[in-house]
C-alpha atoms as a PDB file:
ATOM      1  CA  UNK A   1      81.470-232.010-181.272  1.00  0.00           C
ATOM      2  CA  UNK A   2      84.834-231.730-179.594  1.00  0.00           C
ATOM      3  CA  UNK A   3      87.683-230.496-181.820  1.00  0.00           C
ATOM      4  CA  UNK A   4      90.325-233.325-182.802  1.00  0.00           C
ATOM      5  CA  UNK A   5      94.043-232.682-183.277  1.00  0.00           C
ATOM      6  CA  UNK A   6      95.698-235.026-185.440  1.00  0.00           C
ATOM      7  CA  UNK A   7      99.288-234.791-185.922  1.00  0.00           C
ATOM      8  CA  UNK A   8     100.776-235.347-189.352  1.00  0.00           C
ATOM      9  CA  UNK A   9     104.267-235.531-190.868  1.00  0.00           C
ATOM     10  CA  UNK A  10     105.857-235.174-194.804  1.00  0.00           C
ATOM     11  CA  UNK A  11     106.374-238.743-195.934  1.00  0.00           C
ATOM     12  CA  UNK A  12     110.156-240.622-196.208  1.00  0.00           C
ATOM     13  CA  UNK A  13     109.480-240.472-199.832  1.00  0.00           C
ATOM     14  CA  UNK A  14     109.444-236.405-200.071  1.00  0.00           C
ATOM     15  CA  UNK A  15     112.568-236.194-197.972  1.00  0.00           C
ATOM     16  CA  UNK A  16     114.310-238.567-200.150  1.00  0.00           C
ATOM     17  CA  UNK A  17     113.175-236.793-203.193  1.00  0.00           C
ATOM     18  CA  UNK A  18     114.857-233.199-201.365  1.00  0.00           C
ATOM     19  CA  UNK A  19     117.992-235.167-200.557  1.00  0.00           C
ATOM     20  CA  UNK A  20     118.357-236.127-204.376  1.00  0.00           C
ATOM     21  CA  UNK A  21     117.719-233.060-205.510  1.00  0.00           C
ATOM     22  CA  UNK A  22     119.661-231.418-203.224  1.00  0.00           C
ATOM     23  CA  UNK A  23     122.577-233.613-204.269  1.00  0.00           C
ATOM     24  CA  UNK A  24     122.177-233.065-208.037  1.00  0.00           C
ATOM     25  CA  UNK A  25     122.751-229.077-207.006  1.00  0.00           C
ATOM     26  CA  UNK A  26     125.676-230.041-205.050  1.00  0.00           C
ATOM     27  CA  UNK A  27     127.607-231.368-208.212  1.00  0.00           C
ATOM     28  CA  UNK A  28     127.858-234.633-205.820  1.00  0.00           C
ATOM     29  CA  UNK A  29     130.243-233.510-203.103  1.00  0.00           C
ATOM     30  CA  UNK A  30     130.402-236.045-200.649  1.00  0.00           C
ATOM     31  CA  UNK A  31     130.665-234.047-197.774  1.00  0.00           C
ATOM     32  CA  UNK A  32     127.224-232.912-198.235  1.00  0.00           C
ATOM     33  CA  UNK A  33     125.891-236.544-196.719  1.00  0.00           C
ATOM     34  CA  UNK A  34     125.557-235.113-192.919  1.00  0.00           C
ATOM     35  CA  UNK A  35     124.410-231.789-194.175  1.00  0.00           C
ATOM     36  CA  UNK A  36     121.599-233.654-196.297  1.00  0.00           C
ATOM     37  CA  UNK A  37     120.736-235.301-192.935  1.00  0.00           C
ATOM     38  CA  UNK A  38     120.595-231.983-191.020  1.00  0.00           C
ATOM     39  CA  UNK A  39     118.274-230.838-193.881  1.00  0.00           C
ATOM     40  CA  UNK A  40     115.921-233.320-193.505  1.00  0.00           C
ATOM     41  CA  UNK A  41     115.539-232.764-190.101  1.00  0.00           C
ATOM     42  CA  UNK A  42     114.953-229.189-190.680  1.00  0.00           C
ATOM     43  CA  UNK A  43     112.330-230.034-193.448  1.00  0.00           C
ATOM     44  CA  UNK A  44     110.025-232.137-191.331  1.00  0.00           C
ATOM     45  CA  UNK A  45     107.552-230.512-189.209  1.00  0.00           C
ATOM     46  CA  UNK A  46     104.212-231.043-187.605  1.00  0.00           C
ATOM     47  CA  UNK A  47     101.004-229.796-189.494  1.00  0.00           C
ATOM     48  CA  UNK A  48      97.645-230.104-187.138  1.00  0.00           C
ATOM     49  CA  UNK A  49      94.326-230.772-188.515  1.00  0.00           C
ATOM     50  CA  UNK A  50      91.773-229.630-186.495  1.00  0.00           C
ATOM     51  CA  UNK A  51      88.346-230.454-186.783  1.00  0.00           C
ATOM     52  CA  UNK A  52      85.807-227.498-186.365  1.00  0.00           C
ATOM     53  CA  UNK A  53      82.315-227.821-185.109  1.00  0.00           C
ATOM     54  CA  UNK A  54      79.980-224.927-185.577  1.00  0.00           C
ATOM     55  CA  UNK A  55      76.245-225.099-184.181  1.00  0.00           C
ATOM     56  CA  UNK A  56      73.746-222.826-186.995  1.00  0.00           C
ATOM     57  CA  UNK A  57      70.015-222.029-186.634  1.00  0.00           C
ATOM     58  CA  UNK A  58      68.500-221.514-189.241  1.00  0.00           C
ATOM     59  CA  UNK A  59      64.712-219.200-189.915  1.00  0.00           C
ATOM     60  CA  UNK A  60      62.648-217.716-192.340  1.00  0.00           C
ATOM     61  CA  UNK A  61      61.961-214.125-192.299  1.00  0.00           C
ATOM     62  CA  UNK A  62      58.810-214.423-190.204  1.00  0.00           C
ATOM     63  CA  UNK A  63      60.830-216.368-187.404  1.00  0.00           C
ATOM     64  CA  UNK A  64      60.157-219.665-188.108  1.00  0.00           C
ATOM     65  CA  UNK A  65      62.988-222.356-187.515  1.00  0.00           C
ATOM     66  CA  UNK A  66      63.676-224.111-191.165  1.00  0.00           C
ATOM     67  CA  UNK A  67      63.864-227.807-190.161  1.00  0.00           C
ATOM     68  CA  UNK A  68      64.094-230.107-193.475  1.00  0.00           C
ATOM     69  CA  UNK A  69      67.774-229.018-195.009  1.00  0.00           C
ATOM     70  CA  UNK A  70      70.221-231.138-195.851  1.00  0.00           C
ATOM     71  CA  UNK A  71      73.952-231.035-195.990  1.00  0.00           C
ATOM     72  CA  UNK A  72      73.923-229.967-199.494  1.00  0.00           C
ATOM     73  CA  UNK A  73      71.667-227.321-198.791  1.00  0.00           C
ATOM     74  CA  UNK A  74      74.529-225.602-196.433  1.00  0.00           C
ATOM     75  CA  UNK A  75      77.751-223.531-197.692  1.00  0.00           C
ATOM     76  CA  UNK A  76      80.454-223.331-195.018  1.00  0.00           C
ATOM     77  CA  UNK A  77      83.117-220.189-195.976  1.00  0.00           C
ATOM     78  CA  UNK A  78      86.346-219.808-193.528  1.00  0.00           C
ATOM     79  CA  UNK A  79      88.026-216.295-194.412  1.00  0.00           C
ATOM     80  CA  UNK A  80      85.876-216.072-197.685  1.00  0.00           C
ATOM     81  CA  UNK A  81      87.479-219.583-198.985  1.00  0.00           C
ATOM     82  CA  UNK A  82      84.617-222.607-199.014  1.00  0.00           C
ATOM     83  CA  UNK A  83      85.202-225.353-196.573  1.00  0.00           C
ATOM     84  CA  UNK A  84      83.915-229.350-197.569  1.00  0.00           C
ATOM     85  CA  UNK A  85      81.555-230.278-194.892  1.00  0.00           C
ATOM     86  CA  UNK A  86      82.749-233.422-193.012  1.00  0.00           C
ATOM     87  CA  UNK A  87      79.999-234.004-190.429  1.00  0.00           C
ATOM     88  CA  UNK A  88      76.263-233.004-190.599  1.00  0.00           C
ATOM     89  CA  UNK A  89      73.742-233.701-187.859  1.00  0.00           C
ATOM     90  CA  UNK A  90      70.306-232.664-187.344  1.00  0.00           C
ATOM     91  CA  UNK A  91      68.233-234.648-184.579  1.00  0.00           C
ATOM     92  CA  UNK A  92      65.317-232.831-182.871  1.00  0.00           C
ATOM     93  CA  UNK A  93      65.518-235.428-179.956  1.00  0.00           C
ATOM     94  CA  UNK A  94      69.230-235.018-179.298  1.00  0.00           C
ATOM     95  CA  UNK A  95      69.869-234.229-175.608  1.00  0.00           C
ATOM     96  CA  UNK A  96      71.399-231.065-174.683  1.00  0.00           C
ATOM     97  CA  UNK A  97      73.496-230.215-172.353  1.00  0.00           C
ATOM     98  CA  UNK A  98      72.972-226.501-170.781  1.00  0.00           C
ATOM     99  CA  UNK A  99      75.263-224.134-168.720  1.00  0.00           C
ATOM    100  CA  UNK A 100      73.042-221.669-166.320  1.00  0.00           C
ATOM    101  CA  UNK A 101      75.413-218.999-165.955  1.00  0.00           C
ATOM    102  CA  UNK A 102      72.912-216.802-163.184  1.00  0.00           C
ATOM    103  CA  UNK A 103      73.965-213.431-161.793  1.00  0.00           C
ATOM    104  CA  UNK A 104      73.653-213.244-158.297  1.00  0.00           C
ATOM    105  CA  UNK A 105      75.405-209.981-157.339  1.00  0.00           C
ATOM    106  CA  UNK A 106      73.391-207.443-154.865  1.00  0.00           C
ATOM    107  CA  UNK A 107      72.094-205.774-157.785  1.00  0.00           C
ATOM    108  CA  UNK A 108      69.903-209.226-158.653  1.00  0.00           C
ATOM    109  CA  UNK A 109      68.220-208.853-155.195  1.00  0.00           C
ATOM    110  CA  UNK A 110      66.088-205.357-156.405  1.00  0.00           C
ATOM    111  CA  UNK A 111      62.688-205.901-157.941  1.00  0.00           C
ATOM    112  CA  UNK A 112      62.884-208.923-157.285  1.00  0.00           C
ATOM    113  CA  UNK A 113      65.005-209.860-160.015  1.00  0.00           C
ATOM    114  CA  UNK A 114      66.840-212.793-158.446  1.00  0.00           C
ATOM    115  CA  UNK A 115      63.833-214.066-156.842  1.00  0.00           C
ATOM    116  CA  UNK A 116      61.931-214.512-160.622  1.00  0.00           C
ATOM    117  CA  UNK A 117      64.918-215.694-162.095  1.00  0.00           C
ATOM    118  CA  UNK A 118      64.861-218.606-159.563  1.00  0.00           C
ATOM    119  CA  UNK A 119      60.829-218.832-160.775  1.00  0.00           C
ATOM    120  CA  UNK A 120      61.492-218.624-164.367  1.00  0.00           C
ATOM    121  CA  UNK A 121      64.440-221.466-164.211  1.00  0.00           C
ATOM    122  CA  UNK A 122      62.156-224.173-162.339  1.00  0.00           C
ATOM    123  CA  UNK A 123      59.967-223.554-165.174  1.00  0.00           C
ATOM    124  CA  UNK A 124      62.955-224.581-167.692  1.00  0.00           C
ATOM    125  CA  UNK A 125      63.543-227.626-165.560  1.00  0.00           C
ATOM    126  CA  UNK A 126      60.344-229.252-165.371  1.00  0.00           C
ATOM    127  CA  UNK A 127      58.385-228.208-168.394  1.00  0.00           C
ATOM    128  CA  UNK A 128      61.129-227.257-170.904  1.00  0.00           C
ATOM    129  CA  UNK A 129      63.822-229.614-170.441  1.00  0.00           C
ATOM    130  CA  UNK A 130      63.438-233.179-171.205  1.00  0.00           C
ATOM    131  CA  UNK A 131      64.765-236.162-169.250  1.00  0.00           C
ATOM    132  CA  UNK A 132      67.736-236.425-171.413  1.00  0.00           C
ATOM    133  CA  UNK A 133      68.933-233.289-170.931  1.00  0.00           C
ATOM    134  CA  UNK A 134      71.862-232.248-168.760  1.00  0.00           C
ATOM    135  CA  UNK A 135      71.873-228.963-166.628  1.00  0.00           C
ATOM    136  CA  UNK A 136      74.979-227.271-164.956  1.00  0.00           C
ATOM    137  CA  UNK A 137      74.650-224.287-162.824  1.00  0.00           C
ATOM    138  CA  UNK A 138      77.227-221.460-162.095  1.00  0.00           C
ATOM    139  CA  UNK A 139      76.849-218.490-160.329  1.00  0.00           C
ATOM    140  CA  UNK A 140      79.126-215.233-160.019  1.00  0.00           C
ATOM    141  CA  UNK A 141      79.587-212.463-157.822  1.00  0.00           C
ATOM    142  CA  UNK A 142      82.197-210.293-156.445  1.00  0.00           C
ATOM    143  CA  UNK A 143      84.501-211.732-158.937  1.00  0.00           C
ATOM    144  CA  UNK A 144      84.040-215.392-158.559  1.00  0.00           C
ATOM    145  CA  UNK A 145      82.237-218.002-160.388  1.00  0.00           C
ATOM    146  CA  UNK A 146      81.330-220.831-158.509  1.00  0.00           C
ATOM    147  CA  UNK A 147      79.705-224.201-159.938  1.00  0.00           C
ATOM    148  CA  UNK A 148      77.172-224.598-157.901  1.00  0.00           C
ATOM    149  CA  UNK A 149      75.735-228.020-159.458  1.00  0.00           C
ATOM    150  CA  UNK A 150      77.826-230.133-161.900  1.00  0.00           C
ATOM    151  CA  UNK A 151      76.340-231.656-165.392  1.00  0.00           C
ATOM    152  CA  UNK A 152      73.697-234.223-164.484  1.00  0.00           C
ATOM    153  CA  UNK A 153      70.380-235.365-166.038  1.00  0.00           C
ATOM    154  CA  UNK A 154      68.600-235.105-162.652  1.00  0.00           C
ATOM    155  CA  UNK A 155      67.498-231.527-162.219  1.00  0.00           C
ATOM    156  CA  UNK A 156      67.004-231.800-158.350  1.00  0.00           C
ATOM    157  CA  UNK A 157      70.197-230.923-157.457  1.00  0.00           C
ATOM    158  CA  UNK A 158      70.233-227.989-160.035  1.00  0.00           C
ATOM    159  CA  UNK A 159      66.993-227.066-157.892  1.00  0.00           C
ATOM    160  CA  UNK A 160      67.817-227.644-154.516  1.00  0.00           C
ATOM    161  CA  UNK A 161      71.056-225.516-155.037  1.00  0.00           C
ATOM    162  CA  UNK A 162      69.086-222.658-156.824  1.00  0.00           C
ATOM    163  CA  UNK A 163      66.516-221.915-154.285  1.00  0.00           C
ATOM    164  CA  UNK A 164      69.458-221.707-151.486  1.00  0.00           C
ATOM    165  CA  UNK A 165      71.395-218.953-153.305  1.00  0.00           C
ATOM    166  CA  UNK A 166      71.246-215.830-151.912  1.00  0.00           C
ATOM    167  CA  UNK A 167      72.198-212.140-153.635  1.00  0.00           C
ATOM    168  CA  UNK A 168      75.326-210.573-152.709  1.00  0.00           C
ATOM    169  CA  UNK A 169      78.331-208.748-153.433  1.00  0.00           C
ATOM    170  CA  UNK A 170      79.510-206.843-156.754  1.00  0.00           C
ATOM    171  CA  UNK A 171      79.438-208.164-160.495  1.00  0.00           C
ATOM    172  CA  UNK A 172      82.277-209.293-162.691  1.00  0.00           C
ATOM    173  CA  UNK A 173      80.133-209.684-165.161  1.00  0.00           C
ATOM    174  CA  UNK A 174      82.720-209.492-168.132  1.00  0.00           C
ATOM    175  CA  UNK A 175      84.747-212.210-166.405  1.00  0.00           C
ATOM    176  CA  UNK A 176      82.045-214.437-165.987  1.00  0.00           C
ATOM    177  CA  UNK A 177      81.480-214.693-169.728  1.00  0.00           C
ATOM    178  CA  UNK A 178      85.483-214.898-170.699  1.00  0.00           C
ATOM    179  CA  UNK A 179      85.689-218.163-168.167  1.00  0.00           C
ATOM    180  CA  UNK A 180      81.872-220.046-168.389  1.00  0.00           C
ATOM    181  CA  UNK A 181      82.318-221.080-172.095  1.00  0.00           C
ATOM    182  CA  UNK A 182      85.119-223.339-171.285  1.00  0.00           C
ATOM    183  CA  UNK A 183      83.110-225.257-168.280  1.00  0.00           C
ATOM    184  CA  UNK A 184      79.975-225.461-170.499  1.00  0.00           C
ATOM    185  CA  UNK A 185      81.966-227.037-173.682  1.00  0.00           C
ATOM    186  CA  UNK A 186      82.897-229.950-170.789  1.00  0.00           C
ATOM    187  CA  UNK A 187      78.951-231.253-171.307  1.00  0.00           C
ATOM    188  CA  UNK A 188      78.510-234.863-172.223  1.00  0.00           C
ATOM    189  CA  UNK A 189      76.526-234.288-175.303  1.00  0.00           C
ATOM    190  CA  UNK A 190      76.845-232.847-178.810  1.00  0.00           C
ATOM    191  CA  UNK A 191      74.522-230.020-178.435  1.00  0.00           C
ATOM    192  CA  UNK A 192      76.187-227.522-175.763  1.00  0.00           C
ATOM    193  CA  UNK A 193      74.675-223.979-174.745  1.00  0.00           C
ATOM    194  CA  UNK A 194      75.414-221.154-172.002  1.00  0.00           C
ATOM    195  CA  UNK A 195      72.526-219.310-170.772  1.00  0.00           C
ATOM    196  CA  UNK A 196      73.630-215.918-168.812  1.00  0.00           C
ATOM    197  CA  UNK A 197      70.887-214.547-166.716  1.00  0.00           C
ATOM    198  CA  UNK A 198      71.882-210.814-165.592  1.00  0.00           C
ATOM    199  CA  UNK A 199      70.424-207.685-165.118  1.00  0.00           C
ATOM    200  CA  UNK A 200      73.743-206.464-166.889  1.00  0.00           C
ATOM    201  CA  UNK A 201      75.354-204.072-164.086  1.00  0.00           C
ATOM    202  CA  UNK A 202      79.185-204.324-164.330  1.00  0.00           C
ATOM    203  CA  UNK A 203      81.426-202.942-161.617  1.00  0.00           C
ATOM    204  CA  UNK A 204      83.734-205.254-160.696  1.00  0.00           C
ATOM    205  CA  UNK A 205      85.670-207.221-163.747  1.00  0.00           C
ATOM    206  CA  UNK A 206      89.457-207.383-164.810  1.00  0.00           C
ATOM    207  CA  UNK A 207      88.076-207.914-168.601  1.00  0.00           C
ATOM    208  CA  UNK A 208      86.715-205.464-170.709  1.00  0.00           C
ATOM    209  CA  UNK A 209      83.813-206.679-172.972  1.00  0.00           C
ATOM    210  CA  UNK A 210      86.032-206.780-176.151  1.00  0.00           C
ATOM    211  CA  UNK A 211      88.717-208.861-174.092  1.00  0.00           C
ATOM    212  CA  UNK A 212      85.647-210.920-172.687  1.00  0.00           C
ATOM    213  CA  UNK A 213      84.184-211.851-176.145  1.00  0.00           C
ATOM    214  CA  UNK A 214      87.773-212.653-177.267  1.00  0.00           C
ATOM    215  CA  UNK A 215      88.138-215.389-174.586  1.00  0.00           C
ATOM    216  CA  UNK A 216      84.572-216.604-174.748  1.00  0.00           C
ATOM    217  CA  UNK A 217      84.788-217.207-178.514  1.00  0.00           C
ATOM    218  CA  UNK A 218      87.838-219.438-178.230  1.00  0.00           C
ATOM    219  CA  UNK A 219      85.294-222.383-177.587  1.00  0.00           C
ATOM    220  CA  UNK A 220      82.369-223.604-179.448  1.00  0.00           C
ATOM    221  CA  UNK A 221      79.821-222.665-176.929  1.00  0.00           C
ATOM    222  CA  UNK A 222      76.610-220.687-178.373  1.00  0.00           C
ATOM    223  CA  UNK A 223      75.889-218.082-175.296  1.00  0.00           C
ATOM    224  CA  UNK A 224      72.143-217.212-175.348  1.00  0.00           C
ATOM    225  CA  UNK A 225      71.782-214.047-172.925  1.00  0.00           C
ATOM    226  CA  UNK A 226      68.513-212.884-171.260  1.00  0.00           C
ATOM    227  CA  UNK A 227      69.173-209.014-169.746  1.00  0.00           C
ATOM    228  CA  UNK A 228      66.632-209.040-167.060  1.00  0.00           C
ATOM    229  CA  UNK A 229      65.105-205.588-165.649  1.00  0.00           C
ATOM    230  CA  UNK A 230      68.132-203.714-167.346  1.00  0.00           C
ATOM    231  CA  UNK A 231      68.207-200.195-165.091  1.00  0.00           C
ATOM    232  CA  UNK A 232      66.500-197.826-167.349  1.00  0.00           C
ATOM    233  CA  UNK A 233      67.451-194.938-164.961  1.00  0.00           C
ATOM    234  CA  UNK A 234      71.037-193.382-165.933  1.00  0.00           C
ATOM    235  CA  UNK A 235      70.830-191.900-162.209  1.00  0.00           C
ATOM    236  CA  UNK A 236      70.693-195.321-160.649  1.00  0.00           C
ATOM    237  CA  UNK A 237      73.528-196.986-162.760  1.00  0.00           C
ATOM    238  CA  UNK A 238      75.998-193.828-161.563  1.00  0.00           C
ATOM    239  CA  UNK A 239      76.382-195.491-158.360  1.00  0.00           C
ATOM    240  CA  UNK A 240      77.467-198.766-159.880  1.00  0.00           C
ATOM    241  CA  UNK A 241      79.416-197.272-162.805  1.00  0.00           C
ATOM    242  CA  UNK A 242      83.295-198.042-163.193  1.00  0.00           C
ATOM    243  CA  UNK A 243      83.502-197.454-167.080  1.00  0.00           C
ATOM    244  CA  UNK A 244      81.543-195.286-169.694  1.00  0.00           C
ATOM    245  CA  UNK A 245      80.167-198.413-170.943  1.00  0.00           C
ATOM    246  CA  UNK A 246      77.777-198.888-168.041  1.00  0.00           C
ATOM    247  CA  UNK A 247      74.870-197.168-169.395  1.00  0.00           C
ATOM    248  CA  UNK A 248      71.159-198.798-170.604  1.00  0.00           C
ATOM    249  CA  UNK A 249      72.427-198.520-174.463  1.00  0.00           C
ATOM    250  CA  UNK A 250      75.926-199.906-173.162  1.00  0.00           C
ATOM    251  CA  UNK A 251      74.719-202.645-171.148  1.00  0.00           C
ATOM    252  CA  UNK A 252      72.261-203.904-174.076  1.00  0.00           C
ATOM    253  CA  UNK A 253      75.168-203.765-176.695  1.00  0.00           C
ATOM    254  CA  UNK A 254      77.385-205.778-174.742  1.00  0.00           C
ATOM    255  CA  UNK A 255      74.942-208.742-174.040  1.00  0.00           C
ATOM    256  CA  UNK A 256      74.155-208.670-177.747  1.00  0.00           C
ATOM    257  CA  UNK A 257      77.820-209.038-178.507  1.00  0.00           C
ATOM    258  CA  UNK A 258      78.379-211.712-176.296  1.00  0.00           C
ATOM    259  CA  UNK A 259      75.796-213.792-177.992  1.00  0.00           C
ATOM    260  CA  UNK A 260      76.424-212.324-181.610  1.00  0.00           C
ATOM    261  CA  UNK A 261      80.310-213.331-181.676  1.00  0.00           C
ATOM    262  CA  UNK A 262      79.444-216.540-180.361  1.00  0.00           C
ATOM    263  CA  UNK A 263      76.343-217.994-182.621  1.00  0.00           C
ATOM    264  CA  UNK A 264      73.888-217.560-179.930  1.00  0.00           C
ATOM    265  CA  UNK A 265      70.686-214.936-179.294  1.00  0.00           C
ATOM    266  CA  UNK A 266      70.310-212.043-176.972  1.00  0.00           C
ATOM    267  CA  UNK A 267      66.784-211.017-175.005  1.00  0.00           C
ATOM    268  CA  UNK A 268      65.867-208.336-172.845  1.00  0.00           C
ATOM    269  CA  UNK A 269      62.537-208.761-170.769  1.00  0.00           C
ATOM    270  CA  UNK A 270      61.063-206.873-167.626  1.00  0.00           C
ATOM    271  CA  UNK A 271      58.326-209.395-166.551  1.00  0.00           C
ATOM    272  CA  UNK A 272      58.623-212.817-165.429  1.00  0.00           C
ATOM    273  CA  UNK A 273      56.184-214.241-167.853  1.00  0.00           C
ATOM    274  CA  UNK A 274      57.835-212.958-170.685  1.00  0.00           C
ATOM    275  CA  UNK A 275      61.485-213.955-169.176  1.00  0.00           C
ATOM    276  CA  UNK A 276      60.054-217.842-169.020  1.00  0.00           C
ATOM    277  CA  UNK A 277      59.130-217.262-172.747  1.00  0.00           C
ATOM    278  CA  UNK A 278      62.771-216.584-173.681  1.00  0.00           C
ATOM    279  CA  UNK A 279      63.609-219.342-172.301  1.00  0.00           C
ATOM    280  CA  UNK A 280      60.877-221.488-174.019  1.00  0.00           C
ATOM    281  CA  UNK A 281      62.013-219.753-177.553  1.00  0.00           C
ATOM    282  CA  UNK A 282      66.083-220.563-176.697  1.00  0.00           C
ATOM    283  CA  UNK A 283      65.087-224.013-175.851  1.00  0.00           C
ATOM    284  CA  UNK A 284      62.928-224.269-179.194  1.00  0.00           C
ATOM    285  CA  UNK A 285      65.830-222.860-181.081  1.00  0.00           C
ATOM    286  CA  UNK A 286      68.651-225.422-179.793  1.00  0.00           C
ATOM    287  CA  UNK A 287      66.727-228.373-180.680  1.00  0.00           C
ATOM    288  CA  UNK A 288      66.047-226.876-184.168  1.00  0.00           C
ATOM    289  CA  UNK A 289      69.970-226.570-184.397  1.00  0.00           C
ATOM    290  CA  UNK A 290      71.915-227.893-187.318  1.00  0.00           C
ATOM    291  CA  UNK A 291      75.615-229.098-186.213  1.00  0.00           C
ATOM    292  CA  UNK A 292      78.124-228.867-189.134  1.00  0.00           C
ATOM    293  CA  UNK A 293      81.814-229.602-189.297  1.00  0.00           C
ATOM    294  CA  UNK A 294      84.743-229.284-191.153  1.00  0.00           C
ATOM    295  CA  UNK A 295      88.500-229.402-191.121  1.00  0.00           C
ATOM    296  CA  UNK A 296      90.892-226.596-191.118  1.00  0.00           C
ATOM    297  CA  UNK A 297      95.029-226.028-190.058  1.00  0.00           C
ATOM    298  CA  UNK A 298      95.983-224.668-186.959  1.00  0.00           C
ATOM    299  CA  UNK A 299      98.202-221.667-187.200  1.00  0.00           C
ATOM    300  CA  UNK A 300     101.074-221.020-184.574  1.00  0.00           C
ATOM    301  CA  UNK A 301     100.459-217.794-184.837  1.00  0.00           C
ATOM    302  CA  UNK A 302      96.410-217.909-183.467  1.00  0.00           C
ATOM    303  CA  UNK A 303      95.232-216.231-186.567  1.00  0.00           C
ATOM    304  CA  UNK A 304      91.821-215.202-186.362  1.00  0.00           C
ATOM    305  CA  UNK A 305      89.293-216.657-188.814  1.00  0.00           C
ATOM    306  CA  UNK A 306      86.131-215.897-189.710  1.00  0.00           C
ATOM    307  CA  UNK A 307      83.337-218.421-190.637  1.00  0.00           C
ATOM    308  CA  UNK A 308      80.610-217.711-192.677  1.00  0.00           C
ATOM    309  CA  UNK A 309      77.038-220.095-193.491  1.00  0.00           C
ATOM    310  CA  UNK A 310      75.048-219.898-196.402  1.00  0.00           C
ATOM    311  CA  UNK A 311      72.108-222.048-197.777  1.00  0.00           C
ATOM    312  CA  UNK A 312      70.512-222.048-201.517  1.00  0.00           C
ATOM    313  CA  UNK A 313      67.657-219.905-200.049  1.00  0.00           C
ATOM    314  CA  UNK A 314      69.153-216.500-199.622  1.00  0.00           C
ATOM    315  CA  UNK A 315      66.217-215.392-197.847  1.00  0.00           C
ATOM    316  CA  UNK A 316      66.623-217.761-194.742  1.00  0.00           C
ATOM    317  CA  UNK A 317      68.543-216.241-192.183  1.00  0.00           C
ATOM    318  CA  UNK A 318      71.719-217.954-190.902  1.00  0.00           C
ATOM    319  CA  UNK A 319      73.227-217.926-187.412  1.00  0.00           C
ATOM    320  CA  UNK A 320      76.514-219.545-186.113  1.00  0.00           C
ATOM    321  CA  UNK A 321      79.263-218.069-184.496  1.00  0.00           C
ATOM    322  CA  UNK A 322      81.389-215.564-185.881  1.00  0.00           C
ATOM    323  CA  UNK A 323      84.873-217.262-186.270  1.00  0.00           C
ATOM    324  CA  UNK A 324      87.756-219.287-183.994  1.00  0.00           C
ATOM    325  CA  UNK A 325      91.404-218.870-183.425  1.00  0.00           C
ATOM    326  CA  UNK A 326      93.773-221.238-185.541  1.00  0.00           C
ATOM    327  CA  UNK A 327      96.042-222.137-182.717  1.00  0.00           C
ATOM    328  CA  UNK A 328      97.290-222.111-179.673  1.00  0.00           C
ATOM    329  CA  UNK A 329      97.931-218.448-177.535  1.00  0.00           C
ATOM    330  CA  UNK A 330     101.418-217.481-177.169  1.00  0.00           C
ATOM    331  CA  UNK A 331     102.519-216.207-174.099  1.00  0.00           C
ATOM    332  CA  UNK A 332     103.337-212.637-174.013  1.00  0.00           C
END
């Protein structure tokens, strides 16, 4: 659900009341008439009310999705203050807008990573996505993120472009994660998600992982990451290394943080069959998501506000995005 900005102003009656109080305090000095008008203008201000939308996944301890909850079963907190839920949706059949963000850098040519990713995505298009689901394809390498296939319910163009795609260049993974959620948010359906498939090698970004997260979580898009055949040899990674974070554990940590911060989930697999299974689990989770909404006020200081969602049954595991920024970012 897209955010909606509404402008509100204090009522004229409030201004007149303030003017009346000021006139009493001034002991009836007539010279204040112009000053009162000026004060009325100074007091008037805009309060922007924003509709906040959050995607919520609920599972029991065994990992089974809980599908029978109602609006009354949820509690939503913003900065530890409970918020009234103003929107609730849970429809298994609701169509999905999925953006695939595919790493096509040179390292993906090794160990058949790109060709096997293509095979798995073909499985996603032909066996997992419904006819009403729409999909788009973003590919990234050498610092560029290219819209290879725009949103469409017809999967033919996606598969055709995917088949022609070759691996090349270096990997600006963090930059790609930073810019892609805004594109993914342009999908036509209420349920939207970004699916990242990469080997996690990073050697060409301007953003750090932390900066990428800060940018990505300004948009209500869960990021599902699949680390495919992440290199396990630290010596192998040395030739790609530009930062201390490019280690086996560092790659896994970055991909997990991309997902955790935005309400998605991370998977780490090494076989085509496991890659296909990860896609199946992601599609299953997206089908079972709840969409909750509430209203809050924007903040010109662009405050980061934490979100927490709980259910009446405390043993349930609830996952959603960690928070959002409350206003437009100021130029420094």
